[in-house]
PDB file of N, CA and C in Angstrom:
ATOM      1  N   MET A   1     183.310 -66.695  18.669  1.00  0.00           N
ATOM      2  CA  MET A   1     182.238 -65.691  17.872  1.00  0.00           C
ATOM      3  C   MET A   1     181.190 -65.759  18.907  1.00  0.00           C
ATOM      4  N   ASN A   2     180.637 -64.543  18.957  1.00  0.00           N
ATOM      5  CA  ASN A   2     179.324 -64.341  19.776  1.00  0.00           C
ATOM      6  C   ASN A   2     178.297 -64.268  18.987  1.00  0.00           C
ATOM      7  N   VAL A   3     177.417 -65.258  18.940  1.00  0.00           N
ATOM      8  CA  VAL A   3     176.253 -65.382  18.096  1.00  0.00           C
ATOM      9  C   VAL A   3     174.985 -64.919  18.582  1.00  0.00           C
ATOM     10  N   GLY A   4     174.887 -64.741  19.854  1.00  0.00           N
ATOM     11  CA  GLY A   4     173.629 -64.524  20.433  1.00  0.00           C
ATOM     12  C   GLY A   4     173.107 -62.904  20.354  1.00  0.00           C
ATOM     13  N   LEU A   5     173.710 -62.047  19.976  1.00  0.00           N
ATOM     14  CA  LEU A   5     173.384 -60.541  19.999  1.00  0.00           C
ATOM     15  C   LEU A   5     172.604 -60.173  19.069  1.00  0.00           C
ATOM     16  N   ASN A   6     173.085 -59.947  17.812  1.00  0.00           N
ATOM     17  CA  ASN A   6     172.386 -59.344  16.604  1.00  0.00           C
ATOM     18  C   ASN A   6     172.409 -60.330  15.620  1.00  0.00           C
ATOM     19  N   ASN A   7     171.288 -61.307  15.681  1.00  0.00           N
ATOM     20  CA  ASN A   7     171.072 -62.317  14.689  1.00  0.00           C
ATOM     21  C   ASN A   7     170.014 -61.707  13.700  1.00  0.00           C
ATOM     22  N   LYS A   8     170.110 -62.136  12.358  1.00  0.00           N
ATOM     23  CA  LYS A   8     169.384 -61.943  11.313  1.00  0.00           C
ATOM     24  C   LYS A   8     168.651 -63.366  10.686  1.00  0.00           C
ATOM     25  N   THR A   9     167.517 -63.307  10.325  1.00  0.00           N
ATOM     26  CA  THR A   9     166.864 -64.492   9.756  1.00  0.00           C
ATOM     27  C   THR A   9     166.633 -64.246   8.185  1.00  0.00           C
ATOM     28  N   VAL A  10     167.316 -65.097   7.669  1.00  0.00           N
ATOM     29  CA  VAL A  10     167.419 -65.057   6.002  1.00  0.00           C
ATOM     30  C   VAL A  10     166.794 -66.229   5.428  1.00  0.00           C
ATOM     31  N   ASN A  11     165.936 -65.974   4.512  1.00  0.00           N
ATOM     32  CA  ASN A  11     165.285 -67.202   3.744  1.00  0.00           C
ATOM     33  C   ASN A  11     166.036 -67.291   2.403  1.00  0.00           C
ATOM     34  N   ILE A  12     166.506 -68.519   1.993  1.00  0.00           N
ATOM     35  CA  ILE A  12     167.213 -68.637   0.691  1.00  0.00           C
ATOM     36  C   ILE A  12     166.613 -69.835   0.019  1.00  0.00           C
ATOM     37  N   SER A  13     166.611 -69.798  -1.236  1.00  0.00           N
ATOM     38  CA  SER A  13     166.255 -71.091  -1.919  1.00  0.00           C
ATOM     39  C   SER A  13     167.692 -71.266  -2.893  1.00  0.00           C
ATOM     40  N   LEU A  14     167.635 -72.617  -2.801  1.00  0.00           N
ATOM     41  CA  LEU A  14     168.819 -73.320  -3.518  1.00  0.00           C
ATOM     42  C   LEU A  14     168.820 -74.820  -3.789  1.00  0.00           C
ATOM     43  N   PRO A  15     169.410 -75.085  -4.722  1.00  0.00           N
ATOM     44  CA  PRO A  15     169.108 -76.477  -5.132  1.00  0.00           C
ATOM     45  C   PRO A  15     169.533 -77.423  -4.019  1.00  0.00           C
ATOM     46  N   ASP A  16     168.819 -78.857  -4.151  1.00  0.00           N
ATOM     47  CA  ASP A  16     169.157 -79.818  -3.134  1.00  0.00           C
ATOM     48  C   ASP A  16     170.656 -80.124  -3.120  1.00  0.00           C
ATOM     49  N   ALA A  17     171.223 -80.046  -4.514  1.00  0.00           N
ATOM     50  CA  ALA A  17     172.716 -80.431  -4.376  1.00  0.00           C
ATOM     51  C   ALA A  17     173.691 -79.654  -3.586  1.00  0.00           C
ATOM     52  N   ASP A  18     173.122 -78.301  -3.510  1.00  0.00           N
ATOM     53  CA  ASP A  18     174.025 -77.383  -2.653  1.00  0.00           C
ATOM     54  C   ASP A  18     173.835 -77.385  -1.277  1.00  0.00           C
ATOM     55  N   MET A  19     172.998 -78.256  -0.645  1.00  0.00           N
ATOM     56  CA  MET A  19     172.782 -78.169   0.691  1.00  0.00           C
ATOM     57  C   MET A  19     173.752 -78.573   1.510  1.00  0.00           C
ATOM     58  N   SER A  20     174.467 -79.763   1.289  1.00  0.00           N
ATOM     59  CA  SER A  20     175.567 -80.237   2.000  1.00  0.00           C
ATOM     60  C   SER A  20     176.859 -78.933   2.042  1.00  0.00           C
ATOM     61  N   PHE A  21     176.810 -78.317   1.003  1.00  0.00           N
ATOM     62  CA  PHE A  21     177.665 -77.243   0.945  1.00  0.00           C
ATOM     63  C   PHE A  21     177.495 -76.181   1.897  1.00  0.00           C
ATOM     64  N   LEU A  22     176.192 -75.769   1.861  1.00  0.00           N
ATOM     65  CA  LEU A  22     175.692 -74.706   3.063  1.00  0.00           C
ATOM     66  C   LEU A  22     175.831 -75.171   4.385  1.00  0.00           C
ATOM     67  N   ARG A  23     175.464 -76.569   4.526  1.00  0.00           N
ATOM     68  CA  ARG A  23     175.670 -76.950   5.948  1.00  0.00           C
ATOM     69  C   ARG A  23     177.166 -76.895   6.376  1.00  0.00           C
ATOM     70  N   THR A  24     178.142 -77.241   5.467  1.00  0.00           N
ATOM     71  CA  THR A  24     179.518 -77.280   5.891  1.00  0.00           C
ATOM     72  C   THR A  24     179.896 -75.808   6.208  1.00  0.00           C
ATOM     73  N   ILE A  25     179.572 -74.831   5.412  1.00  0.00           N
ATOM     74  CA  ILE A  25     179.901 -73.580   5.601  1.00  0.00           C
ATOM     75  C   ILE A  25     179.244 -72.995   6.897  1.00  0.00           C
ATOM     76  N   SER A  26     177.960 -73.191   7.077  1.00  0.00           N
ATOM     77  CA  SER A  26     177.393 -72.850   8.306  1.00  0.00           C
ATOM     78  C   SER A  26     177.937 -73.458   9.494  1.00  0.00           C
ATOM     79  N   LYS A  27     178.293 -74.739   9.619  1.00  0.00           N
ATOM     80  CA  LYS A  27     178.997 -75.362  10.830  1.00  0.00           C
ATOM     81  C   LYS A  27     180.333 -74.620  11.129  1.00  0.00           C
ATOM     82  N   LYS A  28     181.071 -74.189  10.052  1.00  0.00           N
ATOM     83  CA  LYS A  28     182.432 -73.647  10.479  1.00  0.00           C
ATOM     84  C   LYS A  28     182.132 -72.111  10.695  1.00  0.00           C
ATOM     85  N   MET A  29     180.956 -71.602  10.466  1.00  0.00           N
ATOM     86  CA  MET A  29     181.035 -70.039  10.799  1.00  0.00           C
ATOM     87  C   MET A  29     180.078 -70.061  12.162  1.00  0.00           C
ATOM     88  N   GLY A  30     179.594 -71.233  12.682  1.00  0.00           N
ATOM     89  CA  GLY A  30     178.677 -71.003  13.698  1.00  0.00           C
ATOM     90  C   GLY A  30     177.209 -70.664  13.404  1.00  0.00           C
ATOM     91  N   TRP A  31     176.839 -70.752  12.288  1.00  0.00           N
ATOM     92  CA  TRP A  31     175.506 -70.234  11.947  1.00  0.00           C
ATOM     93  C   TRP A  31     174.436 -71.528  12.151  1.00  0.00           C
ATOM     94  N   LYS A  32     173.219 -71.504  12.428  1.00  0.00           N
ATOM     95  CA  LYS A  32     172.179 -72.431  12.480  1.00  0.00           C
ATOM     96  C   LYS A  32     171.286 -72.344  11.302  1.00  0.00           C
ATOM     97  N   ILE A  33     170.994 -73.571  10.783  1.00  0.00           N
ATOM     98  CA  ILE A  33     170.305 -73.739   9.702  1.00  0.00           C
ATOM     99  C   ILE A  33     169.017 -74.506  10.113  1.00  0.00           C
ATOM    100  N   ARG A  34     167.957 -74.008   9.791  1.00  0.00           N
ATOM    101  CA  ARG A  34     166.750 -74.573   9.993  1.00  0.00           C
ATOM    102  C   ARG A  34     165.831 -74.642   9.005  1.00  0.00           C
ATOM    103  N   GLN A  35     165.602 -75.982   8.338  1.00  0.00           N
ATOM    104  CA  GLN A  35     165.019 -76.198   7.113  1.00  0.00           C
ATOM    105  C   GLN A  35     163.357 -76.568   7.303  1.00  0.00           C
ATOM    106  N   GLU A  36     162.460 -75.787   6.573  1.00  0.00           N
ATOM    107  CA  GLU A  36     161.249 -75.975   6.776  1.00  0.00           C
ATOM    108  C   GLU A  36     160.763 -77.365   6.015  1.00  0.00           C
ATOM    109  N   ARG A  37     159.810 -78.066   6.814  1.00  0.00           N
ATOM    110  CA  ARG A  37     159.489 -79.424   6.122  1.00  0.00           C
ATOM    111  C   ARG A  37     157.970 -79.069   5.817  1.00  0.00           C
ATOM    112  N   LYS A  38     157.609 -79.671   4.629  1.00  0.00           N
ATOM    113  CA  LYS A  38     156.052 -79.531   4.228  1.00  0.00           C
ATOM    114  C   LYS A  38     155.312 -80.784   5.056  1.00  0.00           C
ATOM    115  N   SER A  39     154.148 -80.406   5.560  1.00  0.00           N
ATOM    116  CA  SER A  39     153.388 -81.289   6.325  1.00  0.00           C
ATOM    117  C   SER A  39     152.704 -82.088   5.215  1.00  0.00           C
ATOM    118  N   GLY A  40     152.148 -83.507   5.712  1.00  0.00           N
ATOM    119  CA  GLY A  40     151.467 -84.162   4.800  1.00  0.00           C
ATOM    120  C   GLY A  40     150.368 -83.461   4.113  1.00  0.00           C
ATOM    121  N   ILE A  41     149.741 -82.617   4.509  1.00  0.00           N
ATOM    122  CA  ILE A  41     148.530 -81.924   4.130  1.00  0.00           C
ATOM    123  C   ILE A  41     149.068 -81.051   2.931  1.00  0.00           C
ATOM    124  N   ASP A  42     150.084 -80.255   3.449  1.00  0.00           N
ATOM    125  CA  ASP A  42     150.611 -79.395   2.433  1.00  0.00           C
ATOM    126  C   ASP A  42     151.112 -80.189   1.157  1.00  0.00           C
ATOM    127  N   LYS A  43     151.718 -81.530   1.362  1.00  0.00           N
ATOM    128  CA  LYS A  43     151.998 -82.018   0.276  1.00  0.00           C
ATOM    129  C   LYS A  43     150.870 -82.751  -0.765  1.00  0.00           C
ATOM    130  N   GLY A  44     149.940 -83.025   0.057  1.00  0.00           N
ATOM    131  CA  GLY A  44     148.637 -83.729  -0.758  1.00  0.00           C
ATOM    132  C   GLY A  44     148.035 -82.410  -1.505  1.00  0.00           C
ATOM    133  N   LEU A  45     147.925 -81.258  -0.836  1.00  0.00           N
ATOM    134  CA  LEU A  45     147.349 -80.063  -1.527  1.00  0.00           C
ATOM    135  C   LEU A  45     148.130 -79.556  -2.719  1.00  0.00           C
ATOM    136  N   GLU A  46     149.385 -79.748  -2.638  1.00  0.00           N
ATOM    137  CA  GLU A  46     150.444 -79.617  -3.642  1.00  0.00           C
ATOM    138  C   GLU A  46     150.184 -80.609  -4.741  1.00  0.00           C
ATOM    139  N   ASP A  47     149.936 -81.839  -4.621  1.00  0.00           N
ATOM    140  CA  ASP A  47     149.559 -82.875  -5.472  1.00  0.00           C
ATOM    141  C   ASP A  47     148.277 -82.560  -6.282  1.00  0.00           C
ATOM    142  N   ILE A  48     147.520 -82.268  -5.421  1.00  0.00           N
ATOM    143  CA  ILE A  48     146.086 -81.822  -6.187  1.00  0.00           C
ATOM    144  C   ILE A  48     146.204 -80.658  -7.168  1.00  0.00           C
ATOM    145  N   ARG A  49     147.004 -79.583  -6.642  1.00  0.00           N
ATOM    146  CA  ARG A  49     147.116 -78.456  -7.627  1.00  0.00           C
ATOM    147  C   ARG A  49     147.959 -78.981  -8.972  1.00  0.00           C
ATOM    148  N   LYS A  50     148.745 -79.827  -8.742  1.00  0.00           N
ATOM    149  CA  LYS A  50     149.420 -80.432  -9.943  1.00  0.00           C
ATOM    150  C   LYS A  50     148.714 -81.137 -10.795  1.00  0.00           C
ATOM    151  N   GLY A  51     147.830 -81.808 -10.225  1.00  0.00           N
ATOM    152  CA  GLY A  51     146.830 -82.720 -10.706  1.00  0.00           C
ATOM    153  C   GLY A  51     147.123 -84.285 -10.794  1.00  0.00           C
ATOM    154  N   ASN A  52     148.011 -84.486  -9.762  1.00  0.00           N
ATOM    155  CA  ASN A  52     148.356 -85.863  -9.446  1.00  0.00           C
ATOM    156  C   ASN A  52     147.215 -86.509  -8.660  1.00  0.00           C
ATOM    157  N   VAL A  53     146.068 -86.516  -9.160  1.00  0.00           N
ATOM    158  CA  VAL A  53     144.941 -87.199  -8.528  1.00  0.00           C
ATOM    159  C   VAL A  53     144.375 -88.253  -9.242  1.00  0.00           C
ATOM    160  N   TYR A  54     144.101 -89.393  -8.768  1.00  0.00           N
ATOM    161  CA  TYR A  54     143.511 -90.535  -9.390  1.00  0.00           C
ATOM    162  C   TYR A  54     142.151 -90.844  -8.807  1.00  0.00           C
ATOM    163  N   HIS A  55     141.325 -91.099  -9.888  1.00  0.00           N
ATOM    164  CA  HIS A  55     139.918 -91.527  -9.219  1.00  0.00           C
ATOM    165  C   HIS A  55     139.504 -93.069  -9.379  1.00  0.00           C
ATOM    166  N   ALA A  56     138.814 -93.685  -8.489  1.00  0.00           N
ATOM    167  CA  ALA A  56     138.571 -95.099  -8.673  1.00  0.00           C
ATOM    168  C   ALA A  56     137.154 -95.243  -8.856  1.00  0.00           C
ATOM    169  N   LYS A  57     136.657 -96.191  -9.772  1.00  0.00           N
ATOM    170  CA  LYS A  57     135.370 -96.210  -9.871  1.00  0.00           C
ATOM    171  C   LYS A  57     134.619 -96.799  -8.680  1.00  0.00           C
ATOM    172  N   ASN A  58     135.303 -97.847  -7.952  1.00  0.00           N
ATOM    173  CA  ASN A  58     134.489 -98.489  -6.930  1.00  0.00           C
ATOM    174  C   ASN A  58     135.818 -98.804  -5.892  1.00  0.00           C
ATOM    175  N   SER A  59     135.396 -99.630  -4.753  1.00  0.00           N
ATOM    176  CA  SER A  59     136.590 -99.935  -3.962  1.00  0.00           C
ATOM    177  C   SER A  59     137.364-101.292  -4.545  1.00  0.00           C
ATOM    178  N   GLU A  60     136.921-101.943  -5.272  1.00  0.00           N
ATOM    179  CA  GLU A  60     137.699-103.043  -6.089  1.00  0.00           C
ATOM    180  C   GLU A  60     138.890-102.143  -6.934  1.00  0.00           C
ATOM    181  N   ASP A  61     138.349-101.198  -7.772  1.00  0.00           N
ATOM    182  CA  ASP A  61     139.287-100.387  -8.606  1.00  0.00           C
ATOM    183  C   ASP A  61     140.448 -99.719  -7.691  1.00  0.00           C
ATOM    184  N   LEU A  62     140.149 -99.180  -6.512  1.00  0.00           N
ATOM    185  CA  LEU A  62     141.129 -98.510  -5.871  1.00  0.00           C
ATOM    186  C   LEU A  62     142.082 -99.635  -5.390  1.00  0.00           C
ATOM    187  N   ILE A  63     141.700-100.635  -4.952  1.00  0.00           N
ATOM    188  CA  ILE A  63     142.479-101.935  -4.592  1.00  0.00           C
ATOM    189  C   ILE A  63     143.517-102.111  -5.751  1.00  0.00           C
ATOM    190  N   LYS A  64     142.932-102.374  -7.001  1.00  0.00           N
ATOM    191  CA  LYS A  64     143.847-102.625  -7.961  1.00  0.00           C
ATOM    192  C   LYS A  64     144.792-101.546  -8.111  1.00  0.00           C
ATOM    193  N   GLN A  65     144.281-100.252  -8.100  1.00  0.00           N
ATOM    194  CA  GLN A  65     145.240 -99.279  -8.535  1.00  0.00           C
ATOM    195  C   GLN A  65     146.435 -99.029  -7.104  1.00  0.00           C
ATOM    196  N   ILE A  66     146.105 -99.456  -6.071  1.00  0.00           N
ATOM    197  CA  ILE A  66     147.046 -99.127  -4.936  1.00  0.00           C
ATOM    198  C   ILE A  66     148.104-100.432  -5.236  1.00  0.00           C
ATOM    199  N   LEU A  67     147.393-101.635  -5.465  1.00  0.00           N
ATOM    200  CA  LEU A  67     148.474-102.767  -5.582  1.00  0.00           C
ATOM    201  C   LEU A  67     148.934-102.924  -7.040  1.00  0.00           C
ATOM    202  N   GLY A  68     148.404-102.717  -7.820  1.00  0.00           N
ATOM    203  CA  GLY A  68     148.714-102.994  -9.318  1.00  0.00           C
ATOM    204  C   GLY A  68     149.764-102.120  -9.977  1.00  0.00           C
TER     205      GLY A  68
END
């Protein structure tokens, strides 16, 4: 199969459980899968949007929240 001539880029959304199935099919068909990963900053901004933010009164309270 000549894969280098007329390539199309397609973005799909699917459940994590189906990724292994997609990888199996793509390997047999000679397709390439590139999975975008979120950077740490993007993950942090997403947490802020979701409200997963905790505030500490002072440094001692912060250490208690981290360790406790």
